[in-house]
């Protein structure tokens, strides 16, 4: 009876110690990765409509799969921290499945989008797996903003930025051709706009140069907020007209001015 009592009490002590150790280790992971995650959340270049950022944090070697939407994803491996950008797709999915390649250490997977944490998972188990799945990943149709315009005019609430958002949400995204255009445009625009926006914040002179350059275009686009674009033909008609107008403003007019000046000298 004494032996049974002894082993029972010993088991309780081990169980209690194990729980305390696990909680302490989880807190340690949080202490290590929290500042890193906060920096990524504040990084404007991570705020890409239709895309999520999968963050991997680890102090050991790991391997696994990173995927977005319904794609099969891609196999990744590494040692330490890593960051991947994935498209959410029509289903609004993003996930990271990472396994430790060692008994010791930890691995954590954090998925963020537009400055918010969608989900996270971590493990310190021997050869453990951290599988984070975000099914609330925005595909970019209704959200996202103009990074360059926001950096240029200083706020997402600036009238110029609001005009662009209203044009996108209330006009272009209401038709199939407009939606197709936005999807194609986003694929190109968000490949370079985060870098321009970051440089604008670092360089006020460059920001003013961009403001001078894009203000005529934004002014011309605002015209669309006052016309009726409720059909495919109207979207195509007004869209082509505005493209011709901006080509004239940015290329034809300057070229004619240069030619005119050159003839005088």
Protein backbone atom coordinates (compact mmCIF):
# COMPACT_ATOMS: atom_id res chain seq x y z
CA UNK A 1 0.00 0.00 0.00
CA UNK A 2 2.83 2.38 0.86
CA UNK A 3 4.52 1.64 -2.48
CA UNK A 4 1.29 2.35 -4.38
CA UNK A 5 0.82 5.62 -2.48
CA UNK A 6 4.46 6.61 -3.14
CA UNK A 7 4.23 6.03 -6.90
CA UNK A 8 0.87 7.81 -7.07
CA UNK A 9 2.26 10.91 -5.34
CA UNK A 10 5.43 10.75 -7.46
CA UNK A 11 3.28 10.61 -10.60
CA UNK A 12 1.28 13.65 -9.49
CA UNK A 13 4.49 15.59 -8.87
CA UNK A 14 5.85 14.71 -12.32
CA UNK A 15 2.54 15.63 -13.97
CA UNK A 16 2.44 18.97 -12.16
CA UNK A 17 6.07 19.73 -13.03
CA UNK A 18 5.50 18.74 -16.67
CA UNK A 19 2.55 21.13 -16.98
CA UNK A 20 4.55 23.95 -15.42
CA UNK A 21 7.47 23.28 -17.75
CA UNK A 22 5.20 23.24 -20.82
CA UNK A 23 3.55 26.52 -19.85
CA UNK A 24 6.94 28.11 -19.18
CA UNK A 25 8.28 26.92 -22.50
CA UNK A 26 5.21 28.23 -24.35
CA UNK A 27 5.71 31.58 -22.64
CA UNK A 28 9.36 31.53 -23.73
CA UNK A 29 8.35 31.00 -27.36
CA UNK A 30 5.95 33.92 -27.06
CA UNK A 31 8.63 36.15 -25.54
CA UNK A 32 11.00 35.32 -28.40
CA UNK A 33 8.70 35.66 -31.40
CA UNK A 34 6.28 38.40 -30.25
CA UNK A 35 8.64 41.32 -31.06
CA UNK A 36 9.38 39.75 -34.44
CA UNK A 37 5.70 39.33 -35.26
CA UNK A 38 4.94 42.90 -34.20
CA UNK A 39 7.60 44.19 -36.60
CA UNK A 40 6.07 42.18 -39.44
CA UNK A 41 2.58 43.46 -38.59
CA UNK A 42 3.83 47.05 -38.80
CA UNK A 43 5.69 46.45 -42.07
CA UNK A 44 3.65 48.14 -44.81
CA UNK A 45 5.21 45.99 -47.52
CA UNK A 46 3.42 42.97 -45.98
CA UNK A 47 -0.01 44.52 -46.57
CA UNK A 48 -0.77 43.13 -50.02
CA UNK A 49 -4.45 42.66 -50.98
CA UNK A 50 -5.27 39.07 -51.79
CA UNK A 51 -2.10 37.74 -50.19
CA UNK A 52 -1.12 36.49 -46.74
CA UNK A 53 2.29 36.28 -45.11
CA UNK A 54 3.31 32.95 -43.59
CA UNK A 55 5.97 33.46 -40.92
CA UNK A 56 8.08 30.56 -39.67
CA UNK A 57 10.04 30.99 -36.44
CA UNK A 58 12.38 28.31 -35.14
CA UNK A 59 15.67 27.70 -33.38
CA UNK A 60 16.30 24.39 -35.13
CA UNK A 61 16.11 22.84 -38.59
CA UNK A 62 12.69 22.19 -40.10
CA UNK A 63 10.84 21.21 -43.30
CA UNK A 64 7.27 21.39 -44.51
CA UNK A 65 4.75 22.86 -46.92
CA UNK A 66 3.50 26.41 -47.48
CA UNK A 67 0.36 26.93 -49.55
CA UNK A 68 -2.41 29.38 -50.39
CA UNK A 69 -5.86 28.96 -51.96
CA UNK A 70 -6.42 25.48 -53.34
CA UNK A 71 -2.91 25.02 -54.71
CA UNK A 72 -0.75 22.15 -53.57
CA UNK A 73 1.78 24.61 -52.22
CA UNK A 74 5.51 24.22 -52.24
CA UNK A 75 7.95 22.27 -50.11
CA UNK A 76 10.20 24.39 -47.90
CA UNK A 77 13.06 23.63 -45.56
CA UNK A 78 15.36 25.73 -43.48
CA UNK A 79 16.93 26.46 -40.14
CA UNK A 80 15.78 29.46 -38.14
CA UNK A 81 13.24 32.07 -39.25
CA UNK A 82 11.65 32.42 -42.70
CA UNK A 83 8.88 34.40 -44.43
CA UNK A 84 6.69 33.45 -47.40
CA UNK A 85 3.96 35.27 -49.34
CA UNK A 86 0.97 33.24 -50.60
CA UNK A 87 -2.18 34.07 -52.58
CA UNK A 88 -5.42 33.43 -50.72
CA UNK A 89 -7.35 32.39 -53.84
CA UNK A 90 -11.13 32.18 -54.21
CA UNK A 91 -11.46 30.01 -51.08
CA UNK A 92 -9.57 32.46 -48.87
CA UNK A 93 -7.11 29.88 -47.53
CA UNK A 94 -3.51 30.11 -46.39
CA UNK A 95 -1.59 27.49 -44.44
CA UNK A 96 1.80 26.41 -43.24
CA UNK A 97 2.67 22.89 -42.08
CA UNK A 98 6.15 22.76 -40.59
CA UNK A 99 7.86 19.85 -38.82
CA UNK A 100 10.94 20.02 -36.66
CA UNK A 101 13.83 17.88 -37.84
CA UNK A 102 15.19 17.52 -34.32
CA UNK A 103 14.04 16.46 -30.87
CA UNK A 104 15.02 19.73 -29.21
CA UNK A 105 14.03 23.29 -30.00
CA UNK A 106 10.74 24.80 -31.15
CA UNK A 107 8.92 25.83 -34.32
CA UNK A 108 6.07 28.33 -34.69
CA UNK A 109 3.94 29.27 -37.70
CA UNK A 110 2.16 32.63 -37.77
CA UNK A 111 -0.08 33.76 -40.64
CA UNK A 112 -0.76 37.48 -40.98
CA UNK A 113 -2.61 39.72 -43.43
CA UNK A 114 -3.13 43.48 -43.58
CA UNK A 115 -1.52 44.08 -40.20
CA UNK A 116 -3.52 41.38 -38.37
CA UNK A 117 -2.76 37.87 -37.13
CA UNK A 118 -5.06 35.35 -38.80
CA UNK A 119 -3.84 32.28 -36.91
CA UNK A 120 -0.77 30.74 -35.29
CA UNK A 121 0.51 27.38 -34.06
CA UNK A 122 3.68 26.30 -32.27
CA UNK A 123 5.28 23.18 -30.79
CA UNK A 124 8.32 22.16 -28.80
CA UNK A 125 7.61 18.42 -28.98
CA UNK A 126 10.32 16.14 -30.31
CA UNK A 127 10.01 16.20 -34.11
CA UNK A 128 6.74 18.04 -33.56
CA UNK A 129 4.52 19.62 -36.21
CA UNK A 130 3.07 23.12 -36.21
CA UNK A 131 0.14 23.29 -38.64
CA UNK A 132 -1.48 26.71 -38.98
CA UNK A 133 -4.53 27.05 -41.26
CA UNK A 134 -6.20 30.40 -41.96
CA UNK A 135 -9.60 30.10 -43.66
CA UNK A 136 -10.33 33.82 -43.25
CA UNK A 137 -7.72 35.08 -45.68
CA UNK A 138 -9.11 37.96 -47.76
CA UNK A 139 -8.82 37.34 -51.49
CA UNK A 140 -8.48 41.05 -52.17
CA UNK A 141 -11.75 41.66 -53.99
CA UNK A 142 -13.25 43.87 -51.32
CA UNK A 143 -10.26 44.96 -49.34
CA UNK A 144 -6.81 46.35 -49.71
CA UNK A 145 -5.74 49.84 -50.52
CA UNK A 146 -3.57 51.91 -52.78
CA UNK A 147 -0.19 51.79 -51.06
CA UNK A 148 1.39 54.53 -53.19
CA UNK A 149 -1.56 56.93 -52.85
CA UNK A 150 -1.77 56.28 -49.09
CA UNK A 151 1.94 57.00 -48.63
CA UNK A 152 1.70 60.05 -50.90
CA UNK A 153 -1.28 61.70 -49.24
CA UNK A 154 -0.47 60.51 -45.71
CA UNK A 155 -3.59 58.55 -44.77
CA UNK A 156 -6.08 55.96 -46.02
CA UNK A 157 -8.75 58.55 -45.16
CA UNK A 158 -7.33 61.17 -47.52
CA UNK A 159 -9.93 62.28 -50.12
CA UNK A 160 -7.73 61.13 -53.01
CA UNK A 161 -7.41 57.63 -51.56
CA UNK A 162 -11.13 57.49 -50.79
CA UNK A 163 -11.92 58.33 -54.43
CA UNK A 164 -9.80 55.43 -55.65
CA UNK A 165 -11.41 53.04 -53.17
CA UNK A 166 -14.94 54.15 -54.13
CA UNK A 167 -14.12 53.73 -57.82
CA UNK A 168 -12.85 50.21 -57.24
CA UNK A 169 -15.61 49.00 -54.88
CA UNK A 170 -18.65 50.83 -56.29
CA UNK A 171 -17.90 50.69 -60.01
CA UNK A 172 -15.16 48.35 -61.24
CA UNK A 173 -15.90 45.40 -58.96
CA UNK A 174 -19.57 45.47 -59.91
CA UNK A 175 -18.88 44.04 -63.38
CA UNK A 176 -16.98 40.99 -64.66
CA UNK A 177 -14.69 43.01 -66.91
CA UNK A 178 -13.94 45.44 -64.09
CA UNK A 179 -13.17 42.58 -61.69
CA UNK A 180 -10.89 40.94 -64.26
CA UNK A 181 -9.07 44.23 -64.73
CA UNK A 182 -8.59 44.70 -60.97
CA UNK A 183 -7.24 41.17 -60.57
CA UNK A 184 -4.73 41.66 -63.40
CA UNK A 185 -3.81 45.13 -62.20
CA UNK A 186 -3.23 43.94 -58.61
CA UNK A 187 -0.88 41.22 -59.79
CA UNK A 188 1.40 43.84 -61.34
CA UNK A 189 0.81 46.80 -59.04
CA UNK A 190 1.47 45.04 -55.73
CA UNK A 191 4.71 43.56 -57.02
CA UNK A 192 6.41 46.97 -56.85
CA UNK A 193 4.16 49.44 -54.98
CA UNK A 194 5.26 48.40 -51.44
CA UNK A 195 8.84 49.40 -52.25
CA UNK A 196 7.81 52.78 -53.68
CA UNK A 197 5.54 53.44 -50.69
CA UNK A 198 8.34 52.61 -48.23
CA UNK A 199 10.76 54.92 -50.06
CA UNK A 200 8.17 57.71 -50.01
CA UNK A 201 7.99 57.50 -46.24
CA UNK A 202 11.76 57.69 -45.99
CA UNK A 203 12.22 60.50 -48.52
CA UNK A 204 9.85 63.54 -48.39
CA UNK A 205 11.27 64.98 -51.62
CA UNK A 206 10.51 61.77 -53.48
CA UNK A 207 7.00 61.75 -51.96
CA UNK A 208 6.33 65.24 -53.36
CA UNK A 209 7.61 64.15 -56.77
CA UNK A 210 5.21 61.19 -56.75
CA UNK A 211 2.36 63.46 -55.68
CA UNK A 212 2.98 65.76 -58.65
CA UNK A 213 3.13 62.74 -60.96
CA UNK A 214 -0.03 60.90 -59.84
CA UNK A 215 -2.38 63.80 -59.03
CA UNK A 216 -3.47 64.33 -62.69
CA UNK A 217 -4.19 60.62 -63.06
CA UNK A 218 -6.22 60.45 -59.83
CA UNK A 219 -8.15 63.54 -60.89
CA UNK A 220 -9.01 61.95 -64.23
CA UNK A 221 -10.05 58.68 -62.56
CA UNK A 222 -12.37 60.54 -60.18
CA UNK A 223 -14.53 61.39 -63.20
CA UNK A 224 -15.73 57.78 -63.17
CA UNK A 225 -17.39 58.34 -59.79
CA UNK A 226 -19.87 60.67 -61.50
CA UNK A 227 -20.85 58.51 -64.47
CA UNK A 228 -23.10 55.47 -64.75
CA UNK A 229 -21.03 52.30 -65.09
CA UNK A 230 -23.60 49.56 -64.60
CA UNK A 231 -22.82 47.48 -67.67
CA UNK A 232 -19.86 45.72 -69.26
CA UNK A 233 -19.92 48.02 -72.29
CA UNK A 234 -19.90 51.19 -70.17
CA UNK A 235 -16.94 49.95 -68.11
CA UNK A 236 -14.98 49.14 -71.27
CA UNK A 237 -15.95 52.40 -72.95
CA UNK A 238 -15.06 54.68 -70.05
CA UNK A 239 -11.98 52.63 -69.26
CA UNK A 240 -10.55 52.90 -72.77
CA UNK A 241 -11.37 56.62 -72.86
CA UNK A 242 -9.48 57.23 -69.63
CA UNK A 243 -6.49 55.21 -70.80
CA UNK A 244 -6.32 57.36 -73.94
CA UNK A 245 -6.68 60.53 -71.83
CA UNK A 246 -3.83 59.54 -69.49
CA UNK A 247 -1.59 58.46 -72.36
CA UNK A 248 -2.16 61.91 -73.83
CA UNK A 249 -1.37 63.68 -70.55
CA UNK A 250 1.71 61.69 -69.62
CA UNK A 251 3.26 60.91 -73.00
CA UNK A 252 1.80 62.76 -75.99
CA UNK A 253 1.65 66.24 -74.43
CA UNK A 254 5.21 66.11 -73.00
CA UNK A 255 6.52 64.75 -76.31
CA UNK A 256 4.86 67.58 -78.25
CA UNK A 257 6.27 70.10 -75.77
CA UNK A 258 9.79 68.69 -76.14
CA UNK A 259 9.53 68.71 -79.93
CA UNK A 260 8.25 72.28 -79.89
CA UNK A 261 11.09 73.47 -77.66
CA UNK A 262 13.70 71.62 -79.71
CA UNK A 263 12.56 73.38 -82.90
CA UNK A 264 13.24 76.76 -81.33
CA UNK A 265 16.87 75.93 -80.65
